[in-house]
Amino acid sequence: MGEVKPTNEKIEQLVEPLLKKGSYYLIAIEDDKLMGWILLGASKDQFTDKMNGFIYELYVIEEFRGKGVSKQLMRTAINHLRQVGYSEVRLSAYAKNQAIKLYEKMGFNIKTVTMSLPL
C-alpha cells in the first residue's frame, strides 16, 4: 500500500467486495511455508466499459524476496486471466514501488498517471 500501513478493518473493506465479485487469491507455498500471494480478478474500463483482467495486490513475505516469487506469481496470474478470456491485464502501483521494474520487464506499460499535490 505504498507508504501507508492499513488496518485490518481497512483491508477487509477493500478486499471483501472484490472477493464477493469473483476476485481470488493465488498463493505461493514452499515446504508448507507461505511465501506470498497475488489477488486477481476483473475490472471495467471507465471509458470503454470493456472488462479487463486486473491484478489488485501482489505481496511477497520479506524472507522470500529476491528469489523470483513475485515473477512466478505474476506469470501464473497472467496465465489464469488469459485462460478466462481477458485480452488485457491491468494493475496499479505507487510510483516508488520497487515492483514497477518487474512489471515493466514483464511487458506492462504505463497507461495512466495519478498525481498528488499536498496542501
C-alpha atoms as a PDB file:
ATOM      1  CA  MET A   1       0.000   0.000   0.000  1.00  0.00           C
ATOM      2  CA  GLY A   2       2.854   2.370  -0.658  1.00  0.00           C
ATOM      3  CA  GLU A   3       3.803   4.360   2.449  1.00  0.00           C
ATOM      4  CA  VAL A   4       0.603   3.506   4.345  1.00  0.00           C
ATOM      5  CA  LYS A   5       0.072   0.510   6.610  1.00  0.00           C
ATOM      6  CA  PRO A   6      -3.686  -0.117   6.533  1.00  0.00           C
ATOM      7  CA  THR A   7      -5.559  -1.526   9.489  1.00  0.00           C
ATOM      8  CA  ASN A   8      -7.101  -4.991   9.293  1.00  0.00           C
ATOM      9  CA  GLU A   9     -10.513  -3.295   9.151  1.00  0.00           C
ATOM     10  CA  LYS A  10      -9.439  -1.208   6.137  1.00  0.00           C
ATOM     11  CA  ILE A  11      -8.027  -4.270   4.384  1.00  0.00           C
ATOM     12  CA  GLU A  12     -11.351  -6.053   4.866  1.00  0.00           C
ATOM     13  CA  GLN A  13     -13.226  -3.022   3.465  1.00  0.00           C
ATOM     14  CA  LEU A  14     -11.020  -3.068   0.370  1.00  0.00           C
ATOM     15  CA  VAL A  15     -10.713  -6.812  -0.236  1.00  0.00           C
ATOM     16  CA  GLU A  16     -14.106  -8.224   0.777  1.00  0.00           C
ATOM     17  CA  PRO A  17     -16.071  -6.554  -2.060  1.00  0.00           C
ATOM     18  CA  LEU A  18     -13.503  -7.814  -4.594  1.00  0.00           C
ATOM     19  CA  LEU A  19     -13.836 -11.372  -3.326  1.00  0.00           C
ATOM     20  CA  LYS A  20     -17.639 -11.134  -3.434  1.00  0.00           C
ATOM     21  CA  LYS A  21     -17.388 -10.067  -7.106  1.00  0.00           C
ATOM     22  CA  GLY A  22     -15.292 -13.112  -8.021  1.00  0.00           C
ATOM     23  CA  SER A  23     -11.722 -11.976  -7.435  1.00  0.00           C
ATOM     24  CA  TYR A  24      -9.455 -14.591  -5.910  1.00  0.00           C
ATOM     25  CA  TYR A  25      -6.027 -15.145  -4.410  1.00  0.00           C
ATOM     26  CA  LEU A  26      -3.261 -17.331  -5.736  1.00  0.00           C
ATOM     27  CA  ILE A  27      -0.665 -18.211  -3.124  1.00  0.00           C
ATOM     28  CA  ALA A  28       2.960 -19.316  -3.300  1.00  0.00           C
ATOM     29  CA  ILE A  29       3.890 -22.029  -0.824  1.00  0.00           C
ATOM     30  CA  GLU A  30       7.108 -23.977  -0.371  1.00  0.00           C
ATOM     31  CA  ASP A  31       7.612 -26.662   2.268  1.00  0.00           C
ATOM     32  CA  ASP A  32       4.306 -25.637   3.878  1.00  0.00           C
ATOM     33  CA  LYS A  33       5.533 -22.028   4.239  1.00  0.00           C
ATOM     34  CA  LEU A  34       3.537 -19.173   2.784  1.00  0.00           C
ATOM     35  CA  MET A  35       5.893 -17.127   0.603  1.00  0.00           C
ATOM     36  CA  GLY A  36       3.463 -14.650  -0.951  1.00  0.00           C
ATOM     37  CA  TRP A  37       0.174 -14.048  -2.714  1.00  0.00           C
ATOM     38  CA  ILE A  38      -1.498 -12.243  -5.570  1.00  0.00           C
ATOM     39  CA  LEU A  39      -5.114 -11.044  -5.778  1.00  0.00           C
ATOM     40  CA  LEU A  40      -6.614 -11.035  -9.247  1.00  0.00           C
ATOM     41  CA  GLY A  41      -9.996 -10.511 -10.817  1.00  0.00           C
ATOM     42  CA  ALA A  42     -11.817  -8.251 -13.249  1.00  0.00           C
ATOM     43  CA  SER A  43     -12.140  -4.520 -13.682  1.00  0.00           C
ATOM     44  CA  LYS A  44     -14.225  -2.440 -16.070  1.00  0.00           C
ATOM     45  CA  ASP A  45     -12.552   0.322 -18.061  1.00  0.00           C
ATOM     46  CA  GLN A  46     -14.363   3.511 -17.046  1.00  0.00           C
ATOM     47  CA  PHE A  47     -14.279   4.948 -20.574  1.00  0.00           C
ATOM     48  CA  THR A  48     -14.942   1.922 -22.802  1.00  0.00           C
ATOM     49  CA  ASP A  49     -16.813  -0.363 -20.368  1.00  0.00           C
ATOM     50  CA  LYS A  50     -14.511  -3.161 -21.557  1.00  0.00           C
ATOM     51  CA  MET A  51     -13.759  -5.788 -18.925  1.00  0.00           C
ATOM     52  CA  ASN A  52     -10.078  -6.422 -18.243  1.00  0.00           C
ATOM     53  CA  GLY A  53      -8.170  -8.754 -16.011  1.00  0.00           C
ATOM     54  CA  PHE A  54      -6.809  -6.865 -13.032  1.00  0.00           C
ATOM     55  CA  ILE A  55      -4.068  -7.563 -10.503  1.00  0.00           C
ATOM     56  CA  TYR A  56      -5.180  -5.903  -7.287  1.00  0.00           C
ATOM     57  CA  GLU A  57      -2.439  -6.977  -4.930  1.00  0.00           C
ATOM     58  CA  LEU A  58       0.971  -8.650  -5.020  1.00  0.00           C
ATOM     59  CA  TYR A  59       2.902  -9.364  -1.847  1.00  0.00           C
ATOM     60  CA  VAL A  60       5.936 -11.491  -1.046  1.00  0.00           C
ATOM     61  CA  ILE A  61       6.950 -12.074   2.570  1.00  0.00           C
ATOM     62  CA  GLU A  62      10.273 -10.389   3.245  1.00  0.00           C
ATOM     63  CA  GLU A  63      12.370 -13.526   3.771  1.00  0.00           C
ATOM     64  CA  PHE A  64      11.384 -14.803   0.303  1.00  0.00           C
ATOM     65  CA  ARG A  65      12.024 -11.598  -1.642  1.00  0.00           C
ATOM     66  CA  GLY A  66      14.638 -11.634  -4.382  1.00  0.00           C
ATOM     67  CA  LYS A  67      14.016 -15.316  -5.159  1.00  0.00           C
ATOM     68  CA  GLY A  68      11.659 -14.973  -8.126  1.00  0.00           C
ATOM     69  CA  VAL A  69       8.423 -15.471  -6.174  1.00  0.00           C
ATOM     70  CA  SER A  70       6.886 -12.228  -7.492  1.00  0.00           C
ATOM     71  CA  LYS A  71       7.692 -13.138 -11.072  1.00  0.00           C
ATOM     72  CA  GLN A  72       6.178 -16.613 -10.694  1.00  0.00           C
ATOM     73  CA  LEU A  73       3.022 -15.224  -9.077  1.00  0.00           C
ATOM     74  CA  MET A  74       2.701 -12.645 -11.868  1.00  0.00           C
ATOM     75  CA  ARG A  75       3.180 -15.238 -14.621  1.00  0.00           C
ATOM     76  CA  THR A  76       0.643 -17.573 -13.036  1.00  0.00           C
ATOM     77  CA  ALA A  77      -1.889 -14.747 -12.575  1.00  0.00           C
ATOM     78  CA  ILE A  78      -1.467 -13.550 -16.166  1.00  0.00           C
ATOM     79  CA  ASN A  79      -1.935 -17.105 -17.448  1.00  0.00           C
ATOM     80  CA  HIS A  80      -5.083 -17.526 -15.322  1.00  0.00           C
ATOM     81  CA  LEU A  81      -6.531 -14.281 -16.655  1.00  0.00           C
ATOM     82  CA  ARG A  82      -5.639 -15.235 -20.243  1.00  0.00           C
ATOM     83  CA  GLN A  83      -7.325 -18.648 -19.824  1.00  0.00           C
ATOM     84  CA  VAL A  84     -10.511 -16.989 -18.558  1.00  0.00           C
ATOM     85  CA  GLY A  85     -10.615 -14.946 -21.755  1.00  0.00           C
ATOM     86  CA  TYR A  86      -9.242 -11.497 -20.945  1.00  0.00           C
ATOM     87  CA  SER A  87      -7.240  -9.816 -23.708  1.00  0.00           C
ATOM     88  CA  GLU A  88      -5.625  -7.295 -21.370  1.00  0.00           C
ATOM     89  CA  VAL A  89      -4.338  -7.278 -17.795  1.00  0.00           C
ATOM     90  CA  ARG A  90      -4.010  -4.081 -15.784  1.00  0.00           C
ATOM     91  CA  LEU A  91      -2.666  -3.138 -12.370  1.00  0.00           C
ATOM     92  CA  SER A  92      -1.987  -0.030 -10.315  1.00  0.00           C
ATOM     93  CA  ALA A  93       1.210   0.688  -8.405  1.00  0.00           C
ATOM     94  CA  TYR A  94       2.594   3.501  -6.309  1.00  0.00           C
ATOM     95  CA  ALA A  95       5.296   5.450  -8.154  1.00  0.00           C
ATOM     96  CA  LYS A  96       8.048   4.435  -5.693  1.00  0.00           C
ATOM     97  CA  ASN A  97       7.073   0.760  -5.645  1.00  0.00           C
ATOM     98  CA  GLN A  98      10.103  -1.402  -6.457  1.00  0.00           C
ATOM     99  CA  ALA A  99       7.812  -3.891  -8.216  1.00  0.00           C
ATOM    100  CA  ILE A 100       7.340  -1.436 -11.113  1.00  0.00           C
ATOM    101  CA  LYS A 101      10.660  -2.688 -12.537  1.00  0.00           C
ATOM    102  CA  LEU A 102       9.273  -6.232 -12.532  1.00  0.00           C
ATOM    103  CA  TYR A 103       6.024  -5.121 -14.166  1.00  0.00           C
ATOM    104  CA  GLU A 104       7.915  -3.315 -16.931  1.00  0.00           C
ATOM    105  CA  LYS A 105      10.161  -6.362 -17.534  1.00  0.00           C
ATOM    106  CA  MET A 106       7.009  -8.440 -17.914  1.00  0.00           C
ATOM    107  CA  GLY A 107       5.705  -6.099 -20.613  1.00  0.00           C
ATOM    108  CA  PHE A 108       3.406  -3.763 -18.702  1.00  0.00           C
ATOM    109  CA  ASN A 109       3.305  -0.175 -19.965  1.00  0.00           C
ATOM    110  CA  ILE A 110       2.212   2.961 -18.145  1.00  0.00           C
ATOM    111  CA  LYS A 111      -1.338   3.759 -19.203  1.00  0.00           C
ATOM    112  CA  THR A 112      -2.382   6.467 -16.741  1.00  0.00           C
ATOM    113  CA  VAL A 113      -0.630   8.539 -14.107  1.00  0.00           C
ATOM    114  CA  THR A 114      -2.246   9.763 -10.918  1.00  0.00           C
ATOM    115  CA  MET A 115      -0.627  12.840  -9.424  1.00  0.00           C
ATOM    116  CA  SER A 116      -0.901  14.354  -5.961  1.00  0.00           C
ATOM    117  CA  LEU A 117      -0.400  17.842  -4.555  1.00  0.00           C
ATOM    118  CA  PRO A 118      -0.036  18.018  -0.768  1.00  0.00           C
ATOM    119  CA  LEU A 119      -1.893  21.028   0.656  1.00  0.00           C
END
